[in-house]
Amino acid sequence: MITASKMASLLGEQLFKINGQGPPPSKDFFQLVITRNQVVWTSWKISLRLGNRGAPPEQLKITHEDFQHDKKLRHDVRTVFGEHILDYTQSLCEGKFDYLERLPDDILLRIQCHLELKDMTHLAQVSHRFRKLCNSDKFWEQHVRNFCAGFTSDMEGLAKAMGWRKTFFTFFHKTVRQQREPHGSENLNQKKGGGGSCE
């Protein structure tokens, strides 16, 4: 059983980080960092004026609670990164962590092996990380080893050369053909038998 303390151990000091450029006309650069205790907002002025060249970045550090009440900063985050990032930032500040995204790849792959392929299509749309995992060689190798009857260690070299995804679908189509052939042969025999008995 996974306890709250074990789940909390999945969290690093830095919970989230994003960089981006502000809208025109300023086009300044910004960085938003969410740590366990703070929201850190850093901005770099982009200006051709001599007085602003080489100016150090401005940085604001506030607590999660203070961020919830700082209308200006929330407005700035929304303006630069959009409503979605603002909502995600507020969720982190409220202690609503997405633990699934923070699980190691090997654990996520073990979870994925219990899902149907149709479910994997939806999972791949959840985030960039899940899309990458669903298309990874490790994921398809896992599926070949677990679900492809007849796959042996002697075929491993060929699978690596072909690619594990292609290997999986090769076995899949082969299985479908094998399932259809007896049924098709039976129908053919019935037709032959029926034809012989016709007068």
N, C-alpha and C. Protein backbone atom coordinates (compact mmCIF):
# COMPACT_ATOMS: atom_id res chain seq x y z
N MET A 1 0.84 -1.20 0.00
CA MET A 1 0.00 0.00 0.00
C MET A 1 0.88 1.25 0.00
N ILE A 2 0.56 2.20 -0.84
CA ILE A 2 1.34 3.44 -0.92
C ILE A 2 0.77 4.45 0.06
N THR A 3 1.59 4.86 1.02
CA THR A 3 1.15 5.82 2.02
C THR A 3 1.35 7.25 1.53
N ALA A 4 0.75 8.20 2.28
CA ALA A 4 0.89 9.61 1.92
C ALA A 4 2.35 10.05 1.98
N SER A 5 3.10 9.51 2.96
CA SER A 5 4.51 9.90 3.09
C SER A 5 5.33 9.38 1.92
N LYS A 6 4.99 8.17 1.42
CA LYS A 6 5.70 7.64 0.26
C LYS A 6 5.39 8.46 -0.98
N MET A 7 4.14 8.86 -1.12
CA MET A 7 3.77 9.69 -2.26
C MET A 7 4.47 11.04 -2.19
N ALA A 8 4.56 11.59 -0.98
CA ALA A 8 5.22 12.88 -0.81
C ALA A 8 6.70 12.80 -1.16
N SER A 9 7.29 11.61 -0.96
CA SER A 9 8.72 11.46 -1.28
C SER A 9 8.99 11.54 -2.78
N LEU A 10 7.93 11.40 -3.59
CA LEU A 10 8.09 11.52 -5.03
C LEU A 10 8.32 12.97 -5.46
N LEU A 11 7.98 13.89 -4.57
CA LEU A 11 8.11 15.31 -4.89
C LEU A 11 9.53 15.79 -4.65
N GLY A 12 10.12 16.41 -5.66
CA GLY A 12 11.41 17.04 -5.47
C GLY A 12 11.21 18.44 -4.91
N GLU A 13 12.29 19.16 -4.71
CA GLU A 13 12.17 20.53 -4.21
C GLU A 13 11.48 21.41 -5.24
N GLN A 14 11.78 21.18 -6.52
CA GLN A 14 11.16 21.95 -7.60
C GLN A 14 9.99 21.16 -8.17
N LEU A 15 8.80 21.75 -8.09
CA LEU A 15 7.60 21.08 -8.56
C LEU A 15 7.30 21.35 -10.02
N PHE A 16 7.66 22.54 -10.48
CA PHE A 16 7.30 22.93 -11.85
C PHE A 16 8.19 24.08 -12.30
N LYS A 17 8.47 24.09 -13.62
CA LYS A 17 9.29 25.18 -14.17
C LYS A 17 8.89 25.38 -15.63
N ILE A 18 8.76 26.65 -16.02
CA ILE A 18 8.42 26.97 -17.40
C ILE A 18 9.05 28.31 -17.78
N ASN A 19 9.51 28.41 -19.01
CA ASN A 19 10.10 29.64 -19.53
C ASN A 19 9.29 30.10 -20.74
N GLY A 20 9.25 31.40 -20.95
CA GLY A 20 8.53 31.90 -22.10
C GLY A 20 8.75 33.38 -22.33
N GLN A 21 8.30 33.83 -23.48
CA GLN A 21 8.43 35.24 -23.85
C GLN A 21 7.07 35.91 -23.74
N GLY A 22 7.09 37.11 -23.19
CA GLY A 22 5.85 37.85 -23.02
C GLY A 22 5.30 38.36 -24.35
N PRO A 23 4.07 38.78 -24.36
CA PRO A 23 3.44 39.28 -25.59
C PRO A 23 4.03 40.63 -25.98
N PRO A 24 3.88 41.00 -27.26
CA PRO A 24 4.35 42.33 -27.69
C PRO A 24 3.52 43.41 -27.00
N PRO A 25 4.06 44.61 -26.85
CA PRO A 25 5.28 45.08 -27.54
C PRO A 25 6.57 44.83 -26.78
N SER A 26 6.52 44.46 -25.48
CA SER A 26 7.77 44.36 -24.71
C SER A 26 8.61 43.15 -25.11
N LYS A 27 7.96 41.98 -25.24
CA LYS A 27 8.64 40.73 -25.58
C LYS A 27 9.73 40.37 -24.57
N ASP A 28 9.53 40.73 -23.31
CA ASP A 28 10.48 40.35 -22.26
C ASP A 28 10.40 38.84 -22.03
N PHE A 29 11.46 38.28 -21.46
CA PHE A 29 11.49 36.86 -21.14
C PHE A 29 11.14 36.65 -19.67
N PHE A 30 10.43 35.51 -19.41
CA PHE A 30 9.98 35.22 -18.05
C PHE A 30 10.22 33.76 -17.72
N GLN A 31 10.38 33.54 -16.43
CA GLN A 31 10.51 32.17 -15.92
C GLN A 31 9.65 32.03 -14.67
N LEU A 32 8.86 30.96 -14.66
CA LEU A 32 8.02 30.66 -13.49
C LEU A 32 8.51 29.35 -12.90
N VAL A 33 8.85 29.38 -11.61
CA VAL A 33 9.30 28.18 -10.90
C VAL A 33 8.44 28.01 -9.66
N ILE A 34 7.92 26.79 -9.48
CA ILE A 34 7.15 26.47 -8.27
C ILE A 34 7.96 25.47 -7.48
N THR A 35 8.35 25.85 -6.27
CA THR A 35 9.05 24.92 -5.37
C THR A 35 8.05 24.44 -4.32
N ARG A 36 8.53 23.66 -3.39
CA ARG A 36 7.64 23.14 -2.34
C ARG A 36 7.04 24.26 -1.50
N ASN A 37 7.76 25.37 -1.38
CA ASN A 37 7.32 26.43 -0.48
C ASN A 37 7.11 27.78 -1.15
N GLN A 38 7.61 27.94 -2.37
CA GLN A 38 7.60 29.27 -2.97
C GLN A 38 7.16 29.28 -4.43
N VAL A 39 6.74 30.45 -4.86
CA VAL A 39 6.56 30.74 -6.28
C VAL A 39 7.64 31.77 -6.64
N VAL A 40 8.45 31.44 -7.64
CA VAL A 40 9.56 32.31 -8.03
C VAL A 40 9.29 32.82 -9.44
N TRP A 41 9.17 34.14 -9.57
CA TRP A 41 8.87 34.78 -10.85
C TRP A 41 10.07 35.64 -11.25
N THR A 42 10.72 35.29 -12.37
CA THR A 42 11.91 35.99 -12.83
C THR A 42 11.65 36.59 -14.20
N SER A 43 12.09 37.83 -14.39
CA SER A 43 11.88 38.50 -15.69
C SER A 43 13.17 39.14 -16.17
N TRP A 44 13.37 39.06 -17.50
CA TRP A 44 14.53 39.67 -18.15
C TRP A 44 14.02 40.73 -19.11
N LYS A 45 14.46 41.95 -18.94
CA LYS A 45 14.05 43.05 -19.82
C LYS A 45 14.77 42.96 -21.17
N ILE A 46 14.00 43.01 -22.24
CA ILE A 46 14.57 43.02 -23.58
C ILE A 46 14.39 44.44 -24.13
N SER A 47 15.49 45.18 -24.20
CA SER A 47 15.40 46.58 -24.62
C SER A 47 16.66 46.99 -25.36
N LEU A 48 16.49 47.87 -26.34
CA LEU A 48 17.63 48.39 -27.10
C LEU A 48 18.24 49.63 -26.45
N ARG A 49 17.59 50.11 -25.41
CA ARG A 49 18.12 51.30 -24.74
C ARG A 49 19.43 50.98 -24.02
N LEU A 50 20.37 51.90 -24.13
CA LEU A 50 21.68 51.67 -23.52
C LEU A 50 21.58 51.45 -22.01
N GLY A 51 20.67 52.17 -21.38
CA GLY A 51 20.55 52.06 -19.93
C GLY A 51 20.03 50.71 -19.46
N ASN A 52 19.35 49.99 -20.34
CA ASN A 52 18.78 48.70 -19.96
C ASN A 52 19.62 47.50 -20.39
N ARG A 53 20.63 47.77 -21.21
CA ARG A 53 21.48 46.67 -21.67
C ARG A 53 22.28 46.08 -20.51
N GLY A 54 22.28 44.75 -20.44
CA GLY A 54 23.04 44.08 -19.40
C GLY A 54 22.42 44.19 -18.02
N ALA A 55 21.19 44.66 -17.95
CA ALA A 55 20.51 44.79 -16.65
C ALA A 55 20.24 43.41 -16.08
N PRO A 56 20.44 43.21 -14.79
CA PRO A 56 20.19 41.90 -14.18
C PRO A 56 18.69 41.60 -14.17
N PRO A 57 18.34 40.34 -14.11
CA PRO A 57 16.92 39.98 -14.08
C PRO A 57 16.26 40.41 -12.77
N GLU A 58 14.98 40.68 -12.84
CA GLU A 58 14.21 40.98 -11.64
C GLU A 58 13.57 39.69 -11.16
N GLN A 59 13.58 39.48 -9.85
CA GLN A 59 13.05 38.23 -9.32
C GLN A 59 12.16 38.50 -8.11
N LEU A 60 11.03 37.80 -8.10
CA LEU A 60 10.09 37.89 -6.99
C LEU A 60 9.88 36.50 -6.41
N LYS A 61 10.04 36.38 -5.11
CA LYS A 61 9.81 35.10 -4.43
C LYS A 61 8.72 35.30 -3.37
N ILE A 62 7.64 34.54 -3.47
CA ILE A 62 6.57 34.64 -2.48
C ILE A 62 6.09 33.24 -2.11
N THR A 63 5.42 33.13 -0.99
CA THR A 63 4.89 31.84 -0.54
C THR A 63 3.70 31.43 -1.39
N HIS A 64 3.34 30.17 -1.30
CA HIS A 64 2.17 29.67 -2.02
C HIS A 64 0.91 30.44 -1.61
N GLU A 65 0.79 30.68 -0.33
CA GLU A 65 -0.40 31.37 0.17
C GLU A 65 -0.47 32.80 -0.35
N ASP A 66 0.68 33.47 -0.36
CA ASP A 66 0.71 34.85 -0.86
C ASP A 66 0.39 34.91 -2.35
N PHE A 67 0.79 33.89 -3.09
CA PHE A 67 0.50 33.87 -4.53
C PHE A 67 -1.01 33.88 -4.77
N GLN A 68 -1.74 33.19 -3.92
CA GLN A 68 -3.20 33.13 -4.08
C GLN A 68 -3.85 34.49 -3.96
N HIS A 69 -3.18 35.42 -3.26
CA HIS A 69 -3.74 36.75 -3.03
C HIS A 69 -3.08 37.84 -3.86
N ASP A 70 -2.06 37.47 -4.63
CA ASP A 70 -1.33 38.46 -5.43
C ASP A 70 -1.98 38.55 -6.81
N LYS A 71 -2.90 39.47 -6.98
CA LYS A 71 -3.64 39.59 -8.25
C LYS A 71 -2.74 39.96 -9.41
N LYS A 72 -1.76 40.83 -9.13
CA LYS A 72 -0.88 41.28 -10.22
C LYS A 72 -0.04 40.12 -10.75
N LEU A 73 0.54 39.34 -9.86
CA LEU A 73 1.37 38.23 -10.29
C LEU A 73 0.54 37.17 -11.02
N ARG A 74 -0.63 36.89 -10.52
CA ARG A 74 -1.50 35.92 -11.19
C ARG A 74 -1.89 36.42 -12.59
N HIS A 75 -2.10 37.72 -12.69
CA HIS A 75 -2.41 38.32 -14.00
C HIS A 75 -1.22 38.18 -14.94
N ASP A 76 0.00 38.41 -14.41
CA ASP A 76 1.20 38.30 -15.24
C ASP A 76 1.40 36.85 -15.73
N VAL A 77 1.18 35.89 -14.85
CA VAL A 77 1.33 34.48 -15.22
C VAL A 77 0.32 34.13 -16.31
N ARG A 78 -0.90 34.59 -16.18
CA ARG A 78 -1.94 34.33 -17.18
C ARG A 78 -1.59 34.98 -18.52
N THR A 79 -1.07 36.20 -18.46
CA THR A 79 -0.74 36.93 -19.68
C THR A 79 0.39 36.26 -20.46
N VAL A 80 1.40 35.79 -19.75
CA VAL A 80 2.58 35.21 -20.41
C VAL A 80 2.36 33.74 -20.79
N PHE A 81 1.79 32.96 -19.86
CA PHE A 81 1.73 31.51 -20.07
C PHE A 81 0.31 30.96 -20.30
N GLY A 82 -0.70 31.76 -20.08
CA GLY A 82 -2.06 31.30 -20.36
C GLY A 82 -2.81 30.82 -19.13
N GLU A 83 -4.10 30.65 -19.30
CA GLU A 83 -4.99 30.28 -18.20
C GLU A 83 -4.67 28.89 -17.66
N HIS A 84 -4.29 27.98 -18.55
CA HIS A 84 -4.01 26.60 -18.13
C HIS A 84 -2.85 26.55 -17.13
N ILE A 85 -1.78 27.28 -17.42
CA ILE A 85 -0.61 27.29 -16.52
C ILE A 85 -0.96 27.99 -15.20
N LEU A 86 -1.78 29.03 -15.27
CA LEU A 86 -2.20 29.69 -14.04
C LEU A 86 -2.99 28.72 -13.16
N ASP A 87 -3.91 27.99 -13.76
CA ASP A 87 -4.71 27.01 -13.01
C ASP A 87 -3.82 25.93 -12.40
N TYR A 88 -2.84 25.46 -13.17
CA TYR A 88 -1.94 24.43 -12.68
C TYR A 88 -1.09 24.96 -11.53
N THR A 89 -0.63 26.20 -11.66
CA THR A 89 0.17 26.82 -10.60
C THR A 89 -0.65 26.95 -9.31
N GLN A 90 -1.88 27.37 -9.45
CA GLN A 90 -2.74 27.52 -8.28
C GLN A 90 -3.02 26.16 -7.62
N SER A 91 -3.17 25.12 -8.44
CA SER A 91 -3.39 23.78 -7.89
C SER A 91 -2.18 23.32 -7.08
N LEU A 92 -0.98 23.57 -7.61
CA LEU A 92 0.24 23.20 -6.87
C LEU A 92 0.33 23.97 -5.56
N CYS A 93 -0.02 25.25 -5.60
CA CYS A 93 0.03 26.07 -4.39
C CYS A 93 -0.99 25.61 -3.35
N GLU A 94 -2.05 24.96 -3.81
CA GLU A 94 -3.07 24.42 -2.90
C GLU A 94 -2.76 23.00 -2.45
N GLY A 95 -1.60 22.48 -2.89
CA GLY A 95 -1.20 21.13 -2.48
C GLY A 95 -1.81 20.02 -3.30
N LYS A 96 -2.36 20.36 -4.46
CA LYS A 96 -2.96 19.35 -5.34
C LYS A 96 -1.91 18.91 -6.36
N PHE A 97 -1.17 17.85 -6.00
CA PHE A 97 -0.05 17.40 -6.82
C PHE A 97 -0.48 16.25 -7.73
N ASP A 98 0.05 16.25 -8.95
CA ASP A 98 -0.19 15.18 -9.90
C ASP A 98 0.89 14.11 -9.70
N TYR A 99 0.60 13.18 -8.76
CA TYR A 99 1.61 12.17 -8.43
C TYR A 99 1.88 11.21 -9.59
N LEU A 100 0.86 10.95 -10.41
CA LEU A 100 1.05 10.01 -11.51
C LEU A 100 2.16 10.48 -12.45
N GLU A 101 2.19 11.78 -12.73
CA GLU A 101 3.22 12.33 -13.61
C GLU A 101 4.62 12.22 -13.00
N ARG A 102 4.68 12.06 -11.68
CA ARG A 102 5.97 12.05 -11.00
C ARG A 102 6.51 10.64 -10.73
N LEU A 103 5.74 9.62 -11.10
CA LEU A 103 6.22 8.25 -10.94
C LEU A 103 7.36 7.98 -11.91
N PRO A 104 8.33 7.15 -11.50
CA PRO A 104 9.43 6.80 -12.42
C PRO A 104 8.89 6.06 -13.64
N ASP A 105 9.63 6.13 -14.75
CA ASP A 105 9.19 5.51 -15.99
C ASP A 105 8.94 4.01 -15.84
N ASP A 106 9.81 3.30 -15.10
CA ASP A 106 9.66 1.85 -15.00
C ASP A 106 8.35 1.46 -14.31
N ILE A 107 7.92 2.27 -13.34
CA ILE A 107 6.65 1.99 -12.66
C ILE A 107 5.48 2.30 -13.58
N LEU A 108 5.56 3.41 -14.30
CA LEU A 108 4.50 3.75 -15.24
C LEU A 108 4.36 2.68 -16.32
N LEU A 109 5.48 2.13 -16.79
CA LEU A 109 5.44 1.09 -17.80
C LEU A 109 4.78 -0.17 -17.27
N ARG A 110 5.02 -0.47 -16.00
CA ARG A 110 4.38 -1.65 -15.38
C ARG A 110 2.88 -1.45 -15.26
N ILE A 111 2.46 -0.21 -15.02
CA ILE A 111 1.03 0.09 -14.97
C ILE A 111 0.42 -0.01 -16.37
N GLN A 112 1.14 0.51 -17.35
CA GLN A 112 0.64 0.53 -18.73
C GLN A 112 0.42 -0.87 -19.29
N CYS A 113 1.20 -1.83 -18.83
CA CYS A 113 1.09 -3.18 -19.40
C CYS A 113 -0.24 -3.83 -19.05
N HIS A 114 -1.00 -3.26 -18.11
CA HIS A 114 -2.31 -3.81 -17.73
C HIS A 114 -3.44 -3.14 -18.50
N LEU A 115 -3.11 -2.20 -19.37
CA LEU A 115 -4.14 -1.48 -20.12
C LEU A 115 -4.32 -2.08 -21.51
N GLU A 116 -5.52 -1.93 -22.04
CA GLU A 116 -5.79 -2.34 -23.42
C GLU A 116 -5.14 -1.32 -24.37
N LEU A 117 -4.85 -1.78 -25.59
CA LEU A 117 -4.22 -0.88 -26.56
C LEU A 117 -5.10 0.33 -26.87
N LYS A 118 -6.42 0.14 -26.89
CA LYS A 118 -7.31 1.27 -27.15
C LYS A 118 -7.20 2.32 -26.05
N ASP A 119 -6.92 1.87 -24.82
CA ASP A 119 -6.74 2.81 -23.71
C ASP A 119 -5.43 3.58 -23.85
N MET A 120 -4.42 2.93 -24.46
CA MET A 120 -3.13 3.58 -24.63
C MET A 120 -3.24 4.77 -25.58
N THR A 121 -4.16 4.68 -26.53
CA THR A 121 -4.36 5.79 -27.46
C THR A 121 -4.81 7.04 -26.71
N HIS A 122 -5.70 6.84 -25.75
CA HIS A 122 -6.17 7.98 -24.94
C HIS A 122 -5.09 8.46 -23.99
N LEU A 123 -4.35 7.52 -23.40
CA LEU A 123 -3.29 7.88 -22.45
C LEU A 123 -2.21 8.71 -23.13
N ALA A 124 -1.90 8.40 -24.37
CA ALA A 124 -0.86 9.12 -25.11
C ALA A 124 -1.23 10.58 -25.34
N GLN A 125 -2.52 10.90 -25.19
CA GLN A 125 -2.96 12.28 -25.41
C GLN A 125 -2.96 13.10 -24.12
N VAL A 126 -2.65 12.45 -23.00
CA VAL A 126 -2.69 13.13 -21.70
C VAL A 126 -1.57 14.16 -21.57
N SER A 127 -0.36 13.77 -21.94
CA SER A 127 0.78 14.67 -21.80
C SER A 127 1.90 14.24 -22.73
N HIS A 128 2.88 15.13 -22.86
CA HIS A 128 4.05 14.82 -23.70
C HIS A 128 4.78 13.61 -23.16
N ARG A 129 4.87 13.49 -21.84
CA ARG A 129 5.59 12.37 -21.23
C ARG A 129 4.92 11.04 -21.53
N PHE A 130 3.59 10.98 -21.40
CA PHE A 130 2.88 9.73 -21.68
C PHE A 130 2.94 9.39 -23.17
N ARG A 131 2.89 10.39 -24.02
CA ARG A 131 3.01 10.14 -25.45
C ARG A 131 4.36 9.53 -25.77
N LYS A 132 5.40 10.05 -25.13
CA LYS A 132 6.74 9.53 -25.34
C LYS A 132 6.86 8.09 -24.84
N LEU A 133 6.28 7.81 -23.68
CA LEU A 133 6.33 6.45 -23.13
C LEU A 133 5.56 5.46 -23.99
N CYS A 134 4.38 5.89 -24.47
CA CYS A 134 3.54 5.00 -25.28
C CYS A 134 4.18 4.68 -26.63
N ASN A 135 5.12 5.50 -27.07
CA ASN A 135 5.80 5.26 -28.34
C ASN A 135 7.21 4.70 -28.15
N SER A 136 7.58 4.45 -26.92
CA SER A 136 8.95 4.03 -26.63
C SER A 136 9.17 2.55 -26.94
N ASP A 137 10.42 2.21 -27.24
CA ASP A 137 10.78 0.81 -27.48
C ASP A 137 10.52 -0.04 -26.24
N LYS A 138 10.75 0.53 -25.06
CA LYS A 138 10.55 -0.23 -23.82
C LYS A 138 9.09 -0.66 -23.67
N PHE A 139 8.18 0.25 -24.02
CA PHE A 139 6.75 -0.08 -23.92
C PHE A 139 6.38 -1.21 -24.87
N TRP A 140 6.81 -1.12 -26.14
CA TRP A 140 6.44 -2.13 -27.12
C TRP A 140 7.17 -3.44 -26.87
N GLU A 141 8.39 -3.38 -26.36
CA GLU A 141 9.11 -4.61 -25.99
C GLU A 141 8.34 -5.34 -24.90
N GLN A 142 7.86 -4.58 -23.94
CA GLN A 142 7.08 -5.14 -22.83
C GLN A 142 5.83 -5.85 -23.36
N HIS A 143 5.15 -5.21 -24.33
CA HIS A 143 3.94 -5.80 -24.89
C HIS A 143 4.25 -7.06 -25.70
N VAL A 144 5.34 -7.07 -26.43
CA VAL A 144 5.73 -8.25 -27.20
C VAL A 144 5.99 -9.42 -26.26
N ARG A 145 6.77 -9.18 -25.22
CA ARG A 145 7.13 -10.25 -24.29
C ARG A 145 5.93 -10.77 -23.51
N ASN A 146 4.98 -9.88 -23.20
CA ASN A 146 3.85 -10.28 -22.36
C ASN A 146 2.69 -10.88 -23.14
N PHE A 147 2.49 -10.42 -24.38
CA PHE A 147 1.25 -10.78 -25.07
C PHE A 147 1.43 -11.52 -26.40
N CYS A 148 2.64 -11.61 -26.89
CA CYS A 148 2.83 -12.27 -28.19
C CYS A 148 3.22 -13.73 -27.98
N ALA A 149 2.23 -14.61 -28.14
CA ALA A 149 2.49 -16.04 -28.00
C ALA A 149 3.42 -16.48 -29.12
N GLY A 150 4.37 -17.32 -28.78
CA GLY A 150 5.29 -17.82 -29.80
C GLY A 150 6.57 -17.02 -29.91
N PHE A 151 6.67 -15.89 -29.20
CA PHE A 151 7.90 -15.10 -29.25
C PHE A 151 8.95 -15.77 -28.37
N THR A 152 10.12 -16.01 -28.93
CA THR A 152 11.19 -16.65 -28.19
C THR A 152 12.41 -15.74 -28.11
N SER A 153 13.33 -16.12 -27.25
CA SER A 153 14.56 -15.32 -27.08
C SER A 153 15.38 -15.31 -28.36
N ASP A 154 15.22 -16.35 -29.20
CA ASP A 154 15.95 -16.39 -30.47
C ASP A 154 15.51 -15.29 -31.43
N MET A 155 14.29 -14.79 -31.23
CA MET A 155 13.75 -13.75 -32.11
C MET A 155 14.11 -12.35 -31.64
N GLU A 156 14.78 -12.23 -30.50
CA GLU A 156 15.05 -10.93 -29.91
C GLU A 156 15.90 -10.05 -30.82
N GLY A 157 16.91 -10.64 -31.44
CA GLY A 157 17.78 -9.87 -32.34
C GLY A 157 17.00 -9.30 -33.51
N LEU A 158 16.09 -10.10 -34.06
CA LEU A 158 15.26 -9.64 -35.17
C LEU A 158 14.32 -8.53 -34.72
N ALA A 159 13.77 -8.69 -33.52
CA ALA A 159 12.85 -7.68 -32.98
C ALA A 159 13.56 -6.34 -32.79
N LYS A 160 14.79 -6.40 -32.32
CA LYS A 160 15.56 -5.16 -32.12
C LYS A 160 15.87 -4.49 -33.46
N ALA A 161 16.11 -5.32 -34.47
CA ALA A 161 16.41 -4.77 -35.79
C ALA A 161 15.16 -4.20 -36.45
N MET A 162 14.03 -4.90 -36.32
CA MET A 162 12.77 -4.45 -36.90
C MET A 162 12.16 -3.29 -36.13
N GLY A 163 12.40 -3.30 -34.82
CA GLY A 163 11.72 -2.37 -33.92
C GLY A 163 10.62 -3.14 -33.19
N TRP A 164 10.48 -2.89 -31.89
CA TRP A 164 9.54 -3.67 -31.08
C TRP A 164 8.09 -3.39 -31.47
N ARG A 165 7.79 -2.18 -31.87
CA ARG A 165 6.41 -1.85 -32.26
C ARG A 165 6.00 -2.64 -33.50
N LYS A 166 6.86 -2.65 -34.50
CA LYS A 166 6.57 -3.38 -35.72
C LYS A 166 6.47 -4.87 -35.43
N THR A 167 7.33 -5.36 -34.54
CA THR A 167 7.29 -6.78 -34.15
C THR A 167 5.96 -7.13 -33.51
N PHE A 168 5.47 -6.25 -32.63
CA PHE A 168 4.19 -6.51 -31.96
C PHE A 168 3.07 -6.65 -32.97
N PHE A 169 2.97 -5.73 -33.92
CA PHE A 169 1.87 -5.77 -34.88
C PHE A 169 2.04 -6.90 -35.89
N THR A 170 3.28 -7.33 -36.14
CA THR A 170 3.50 -8.50 -36.98
C THR A 170 2.91 -9.74 -36.33
N PHE A 171 3.16 -9.90 -35.02
CA PHE A 171 2.59 -11.03 -34.28
C PHE A 171 1.08 -10.89 -34.16
N PHE A 172 0.61 -9.67 -33.99
CA PHE A 172 -0.82 -9.42 -33.85
C PHE A 172 -1.57 -9.85 -35.12
N HIS A 173 -1.07 -9.43 -36.29
CA HIS A 173 -1.72 -9.79 -37.55
C HIS A 173 -1.63 -11.29 -37.82
N LYS A 174 -0.50 -11.88 -37.41
CA LYS A 174 -0.33 -13.32 -37.57
C LYS A 174 -1.36 -14.07 -36.73
N THR A 175 -1.59 -13.60 -35.51
CA THR A 175 -2.57 -14.23 -34.62
C THR A 175 -3.98 -14.11 -35.18
N VAL A 176 -4.30 -12.93 -35.72
CA VAL A 176 -5.62 -12.72 -36.31
C VAL A 176 -5.84 -13.67 -37.48
N ARG A 177 -4.82 -13.83 -38.34
CA ARG A 177 -4.95 -14.74 -39.48
C ARG A 177 -5.15 -16.18 -39.03
N GLN A 178 -4.41 -16.57 -37.98
CA GLN A 178 -4.53 -17.93 -37.48
C GLN A 178 -5.91 -18.20 -36.89
N GLN A 179 -6.49 -17.16 -36.27
CA GLN A 179 -7.83 -17.31 -35.71
C GLN A 179 -8.88 -17.41 -36.79
N ARG A 180 -8.63 -16.77 -37.93
CA ARG A 180 -9.61 -16.77 -39.02
C ARG A 180 -9.50 -18.01 -39.91
N GLU A 181 -8.31 -18.55 -40.06
CA GLU A 181 -8.09 -19.65 -40.99
C GLU A 181 -8.92 -20.89 -40.70
N PRO A 182 -8.97 -21.39 -39.44
CA PRO A 182 -9.79 -22.59 -39.19
C PRO A 182 -11.25 -22.36 -39.54
N HIS A 183 -11.75 -21.17 -39.20
CA HIS A 183 -13.14 -20.82 -39.47
C HIS A 183 -13.38 -20.78 -40.98
N GLY A 184 -12.41 -20.19 -41.71
CA GLY A 184 -12.54 -20.11 -43.16
C GLY A 184 -12.45 -21.47 -43.81
N SER A 185 -11.56 -22.34 -43.28
CA SER A 185 -11.41 -23.68 -43.83
C SER A 185 -12.66 -24.51 -43.60
N GLU A 186 -13.25 -24.32 -42.41
CA GLU A 186 -14.47 -25.04 -42.08
C GLU A 186 -15.59 -24.65 -43.02
N ASN A 187 -15.73 -23.37 -43.31
CA ASN A 187 -16.77 -22.90 -44.22
C ASN A 187 -16.54 -23.45 -45.64
N LEU A 188 -15.26 -23.53 -46.03
CA LEU A 188 -14.93 -24.03 -47.35
C LEU A 188 -15.30 -25.50 -47.48
N ASN A 189 -15.02 -26.28 -46.41
CA ASN A 189 -15.35 -27.70 -46.42
C ASN A 189 -16.85 -27.93 -46.46
N GLN A 190 -17.57 -27.06 -45.73
CA GLN A 190 -19.02 -27.18 -45.72
C GLN A 190 -19.59 -26.92 -47.11
N LYS A 191 -19.01 -25.92 -47.80
CA LYS A 191 -19.49 -25.61 -49.14
C LYS A 191 -19.21 -26.75 -50.10
N LYS A 192 -18.00 -27.34 -49.93
CA LYS A 192 -17.65 -28.46 -50.80
C LYS A 192 -18.58 -29.63 -50.55
N GLY A 193 -18.83 -29.89 -49.25
CA GLY A 193 -19.71 -31.02 -48.90
C GLY A 193 -21.11 -30.78 -49.40
N GLY A 194 -21.57 -29.55 -49.26
CA GLY A 194 -22.93 -29.21 -49.69
C GLY A 194 -23.04 -29.33 -51.19
N GLY A 195 -21.98 -28.95 -51.88
CA GLY A 195 -22.03 -29.01 -53.35
C GLY A 195 -22.10 -30.42 -53.85
N GLY A 196 -21.42 -31.34 -53.07
CA GLY A 196 -21.40 -32.74 -53.50
C GLY A 196 -22.75 -33.42 -53.32
N SER A 197 -23.53 -32.91 -52.36
CA SER A 197 -24.80 -33.57 -52.09
C SER A 197 -25.92 -33.02 -52.94
N CYS A 198 -25.64 -31.93 -53.65
CA CYS A 198 -26.72 -31.35 -54.48
C CYS A 198 -27.03 -32.25 -55.65
N GLU A 199 -28.29 -32.33 -56.01
CA GLU A 199 -28.69 -33.15 -57.14
C GLU A 199 -28.97 -32.29 -58.36
